[in-house]
């Protein structure tokens, strides 16, 4: 027969157990508060294949962004309006970047190009928020490449702009939500995500890409006979 543990040992075990729980709790609290802050915002990832898993999606290039409580009128209607708003950066001065459509088209074609092939039926994208941000709206726009970087589009951002309608597939418990649309070569596409957070009030970010054929990108493709 096992001897019963006397009351003194029971008391000691209870004290040590309580101390261990308190120490672990303090360590957990310290670990949470000792983490570096995570910037609030959004990111957009893409794939050109329907069944691609999220871990294999590629992050799109971020173009414009405006983070702070004073940017509640949507995207800037002209480059001048953007420059007038720069001193109003407010909460997060410096978190302002110009729209991609105003930039040099050659630079965009080199840095944010996605090739479209004959068998590319759809472009798939997913949105990931960071920190306490919650996405409010997702819009996709496109501009013909011949207006990108021109004086006309800098004067009026809406020059040549077209809304891209997309389908949104809501994810389940073990799958992510994602949108899709049929892409066309020769356009600058921009995915705009507006979001709100308790810490930064609101913001929006643009993720862009230029859709090109291999020929437009200067790439020679050899097909087997």
Protein backbone atom coordinates (compact mmCIF):
# COMPACT_ATOMS: atom_id res chain seq x y z
CA UNK A 1 0.00 0.00 0.00
CA UNK A 2 1.11 3.54 -0.79
CA UNK A 3 1.47 5.86 2.13
CA UNK A 4 -0.90 8.79 2.00
CA UNK A 5 0.81 12.16 1.45
CA UNK A 6 0.75 14.03 4.75
CA UNK A 7 -0.80 17.45 5.07
CA UNK A 8 2.55 19.27 5.14
CA UNK A 9 3.60 17.93 1.76
CA UNK A 10 0.18 18.72 0.33
CA UNK A 11 0.59 22.32 1.47
CA UNK A 12 4.06 22.55 -0.06
CA UNK A 13 2.85 21.13 -3.40
CA UNK A 14 -0.06 23.57 -3.49
CA UNK A 15 2.28 26.52 -2.81
CA UNK A 16 4.77 25.44 -5.52
CA UNK A 17 1.94 24.78 -7.97
CA UNK A 18 0.45 28.21 -7.37
CA UNK A 19 3.84 29.88 -7.77
CA UNK A 20 4.47 27.99 -11.03
CA UNK A 21 1.11 29.13 -12.44
CA UNK A 22 1.80 32.74 -11.43
CA UNK A 23 5.28 32.68 -12.99
CA UNK A 24 3.97 31.21 -16.26
CA UNK A 25 1.19 33.80 -16.36
CA UNK A 26 3.69 36.62 -15.86
CA UNK A 27 5.95 35.22 -18.59
CA UNK A 28 3.02 34.99 -21.02
CA UNK A 29 1.92 38.56 -20.27
CA UNK A 30 5.48 39.80 -20.69
CA UNK A 31 5.84 37.92 -24.00
CA UNK A 32 2.69 39.59 -25.33
CA UNK A 33 3.73 43.10 -24.27
CA UNK A 34 7.35 42.63 -25.36
CA UNK A 35 6.44 42.08 -29.02
CA UNK A 36 7.23 44.78 -31.53
CA UNK A 37 4.16 46.67 -32.76
CA UNK A 38 2.61 45.38 -35.96
CA UNK A 39 1.81 48.01 -38.57
CA UNK A 40 -1.86 48.23 -39.32
CA UNK A 41 -2.96 47.93 -42.92
CA UNK A 42 -3.63 45.54 -45.76
CA UNK A 43 -1.73 43.44 -48.28
CA UNK A 44 -2.89 41.81 -51.51
CA UNK A 45 -1.64 38.50 -52.90
CA UNK A 46 -2.33 36.90 -56.27
CA UNK A 47 -2.24 33.74 -58.34
CA UNK A 48 -3.15 32.98 -61.93
CA UNK A 49 -4.13 29.41 -61.09
CA UNK A 50 -7.47 28.58 -59.52
CA UNK A 51 -6.40 25.76 -57.22
CA UNK A 52 -3.21 27.40 -55.92
CA UNK A 53 -3.01 27.31 -52.12
CA UNK A 54 -2.57 30.54 -50.22
CA UNK A 55 1.01 29.80 -49.17
CA UNK A 56 2.00 29.86 -52.84
CA UNK A 57 0.35 33.21 -53.63
CA UNK A 58 2.65 36.10 -54.57
CA UNK A 59 2.43 39.56 -53.02
CA UNK A 60 1.49 42.38 -55.35
CA UNK A 61 3.52 45.59 -55.53
CA UNK A 62 2.16 48.35 -53.32
CA UNK A 63 1.56 51.57 -55.17
CA UNK A 64 -0.26 54.38 -53.41
CA UNK A 65 -1.29 54.55 -49.78
CA UNK A 66 -2.86 57.09 -47.43
CA UNK A 67 -2.97 56.23 -43.74
CA UNK A 68 -4.62 58.59 -41.26
CA UNK A 69 -7.96 60.10 -40.35
CA UNK A 70 -7.93 62.93 -42.90
CA UNK A 71 -8.08 60.78 -46.03
CA UNK A 72 -11.79 60.06 -46.16
CA UNK A 73 -12.50 61.25 -49.70
CA UNK A 74 -11.17 58.27 -51.61
CA UNK A 75 -8.30 58.29 -54.06
CA UNK A 76 -6.89 61.59 -55.26
CA UNK A 77 -8.49 63.04 -58.38
CA UNK A 78 -5.25 64.60 -59.61
CA UNK A 79 -1.56 64.75 -58.84
CA UNK A 80 -2.01 68.34 -57.63
CA UNK A 81 -4.61 67.23 -55.09
CA UNK A 82 -2.17 64.63 -53.80
CA UNK A 83 0.59 67.22 -53.38
CA UNK A 84 -1.78 69.58 -51.58
CA UNK A 85 -2.63 66.80 -49.12
CA UNK A 86 0.98 65.91 -48.27
CA UNK A 87 1.23 68.50 -45.43
CA UNK A 88 -1.95 66.99 -43.94
CA UNK A 89 -0.27 63.63 -43.27
CA UNK A 90 -1.31 64.06 -39.65
CA UNK A 91 -1.22 60.83 -37.64
CA UNK A 92 1.28 58.97 -39.80
CA UNK A 93 3.16 61.57 -41.84
CA UNK A 94 5.12 59.86 -44.58
CA UNK A 95 2.54 57.11 -45.09
CA UNK A 96 1.49 58.69 -48.35
CA UNK A 97 2.54 57.48 -51.78
CA UNK A 98 1.43 58.73 -55.22
CA UNK A 99 -0.86 56.70 -57.44
CA UNK A 100 0.77 54.18 -59.76
CA UNK A 101 -1.02 55.58 -62.82
CA UNK A 102 1.04 58.79 -62.54
CA UNK A 103 4.37 56.95 -62.57
CA UNK A 104 6.70 56.23 -65.46
CA UNK A 105 5.15 53.41 -67.52
CA UNK A 106 8.52 51.87 -68.38
CA UNK A 107 9.34 51.56 -64.68
CA UNK A 108 5.97 49.97 -63.91
CA UNK A 109 6.25 47.55 -66.82
CA UNK A 110 9.62 46.41 -65.47
CA UNK A 111 8.85 46.32 -61.75
CA UNK A 112 5.21 45.21 -61.55
CA UNK A 113 4.65 43.07 -64.62
CA UNK A 114 2.60 39.89 -64.73
CA UNK A 115 2.65 37.88 -67.92
CA UNK A 116 -0.61 36.69 -69.41
CA UNK A 117 -0.66 33.56 -71.52
CA UNK A 118 -3.34 31.99 -73.66
CA UNK A 119 -4.41 29.61 -70.91
CA UNK A 120 -4.77 32.31 -68.24
CA UNK A 121 -8.51 32.30 -67.74
CA UNK A 122 -8.66 34.23 -64.48
CA UNK A 123 -6.65 36.33 -62.06
CA UNK A 124 -7.12 35.35 -58.41
CA UNK A 125 -6.40 37.67 -55.49
CA UNK A 126 -6.74 37.55 -51.72
CA UNK A 127 -6.57 40.34 -49.13
CA UNK A 128 -4.76 40.05 -45.81
CA UNK A 129 -5.18 42.66 -43.09
CA UNK A 130 -2.57 43.39 -40.43
CA UNK A 131 -2.87 44.56 -36.86
CA UNK A 132 -6.41 45.54 -35.91
CA UNK A 133 -7.33 46.70 -39.43
CA UNK A 134 -10.62 45.52 -40.91
CA UNK A 135 -11.19 45.76 -44.67
CA UNK A 136 -14.19 47.93 -45.53
CA UNK A 137 -14.12 47.89 -49.31
CA UNK A 138 -12.17 46.30 -52.16
CA UNK A 139 -12.27 47.89 -55.62
CA UNK A 140 -10.38 46.97 -58.79
CA UNK A 141 -9.66 49.59 -61.47
CA UNK A 142 -7.60 49.57 -64.63
CA UNK A 143 -6.09 52.08 -67.05
CA UNK A 144 -4.83 51.51 -70.62
CA UNK A 145 -1.05 51.61 -70.70
CA UNK A 146 -1.07 54.45 -73.23
CA UNK A 147 -2.45 56.87 -70.60
CA UNK A 148 -0.15 55.80 -67.74
CA UNK A 149 2.27 58.56 -66.75
CA UNK A 150 0.79 61.12 -69.16
CA UNK A 151 -0.07 64.73 -68.32
CA UNK A 152 -3.73 63.95 -69.00
CA UNK A 153 -4.00 61.31 -66.25
CA UNK A 154 -1.95 63.43 -63.83
CA UNK A 155 -4.42 66.26 -64.35
CA UNK A 156 -7.46 63.96 -64.08
CA UNK A 157 -6.94 60.55 -62.46
CA UNK A 158 -10.19 59.29 -64.00
CA UNK A 159 -8.80 59.62 -67.55
CA UNK A 160 -9.25 56.22 -69.17
CA UNK A 161 -10.15 54.54 -65.88
CA UNK A 162 -12.42 51.49 -65.99
CA UNK A 163 -14.01 49.60 -63.11
CA UNK A 164 -13.21 45.88 -63.12
CA UNK A 165 -16.04 43.69 -61.88
CA UNK A 166 -14.87 40.66 -59.95
CA UNK A 167 -16.41 37.62 -58.34
CA UNK A 168 -15.78 37.03 -54.66
CA UNK A 169 -15.59 33.49 -53.34
CA UNK A 170 -16.05 33.41 -49.57
CA UNK A 171 -13.77 30.94 -47.84
CA UNK A 172 -14.81 28.33 -45.32
CA UNK A 173 -13.26 27.17 -42.08
CA UNK A 174 -10.22 25.70 -43.85
CA UNK A 175 -10.06 27.85 -47.00
CA UNK A 176 -9.43 31.52 -47.68
CA UNK A 177 -11.72 34.05 -49.31
CA UNK A 178 -10.59 35.29 -52.72
CA UNK A 179 -11.74 37.27 -55.71
CA UNK A 180 -11.27 36.63 -59.42
CA UNK A 181 -11.68 38.34 -62.77
CA UNK A 182 -10.59 37.81 -66.37
CA UNK A 183 -7.45 39.87 -67.07
CA UNK A 184 -6.50 41.54 -70.34
CA UNK A 185 -3.02 42.45 -71.50
CA UNK A 186 -2.07 46.09 -72.04
CA UNK A 187 -3.52 47.52 -68.82
CA UNK A 188 -2.34 48.81 -65.48
CA UNK A 189 -4.53 47.17 -62.82
CA UNK A 190 -4.91 48.54 -59.29
CA UNK A 191 -6.58 46.82 -56.36
CA UNK A 192 -7.69 49.39 -53.77
CA UNK A 193 -8.36 48.22 -50.21
CA UNK A 194 -9.87 50.68 -47.75
CA UNK A 195 -9.78 49.75 -44.07
CA UNK A 196 -10.45 51.06 -40.59
CA UNK A 197 -8.73 50.47 -37.27
CA UNK A 198 -9.14 51.73 -33.73
CA UNK A 199 -5.50 52.82 -33.57
CA UNK A 200 -5.17 54.70 -36.87
CA UNK A 201 -8.79 55.54 -37.66
CA UNK A 202 -8.66 54.62 -41.35
CA UNK A 203 -6.56 54.26 -44.46
CA UNK A 204 -6.39 52.82 -47.96
CA UNK A 205 -3.71 51.08 -49.95
CA UNK A 206 -3.30 50.38 -53.65
CA UNK A 207 -1.71 47.22 -55.02
CA UNK A 208 -0.86 47.35 -58.69
CA UNK A 209 0.39 45.28 -61.59
CA UNK A 210 0.84 45.61 -65.33
CA UNK A 211 -0.62 42.79 -67.38
CA UNK A 212 1.51 42.00 -70.43
CA UNK A 213 1.87 39.33 -73.07
CA UNK A 214 5.37 37.83 -73.39
CA UNK A 215 5.75 39.78 -76.65
CA UNK A 216 4.90 43.09 -74.90
CA UNK A 217 7.41 42.25 -72.18
CA UNK A 218 10.09 41.54 -74.80
CA UNK A 219 10.25 37.86 -73.96
CA UNK A 220 10.57 35.27 -76.70
CA UNK A 221 8.61 32.13 -75.96
CA UNK A 222 9.48 28.91 -77.79
CA UNK A 223 6.65 26.43 -78.08
CA UNK A 224 7.36 22.75 -78.82
CA UNK A 225 6.32 21.46 -82.20
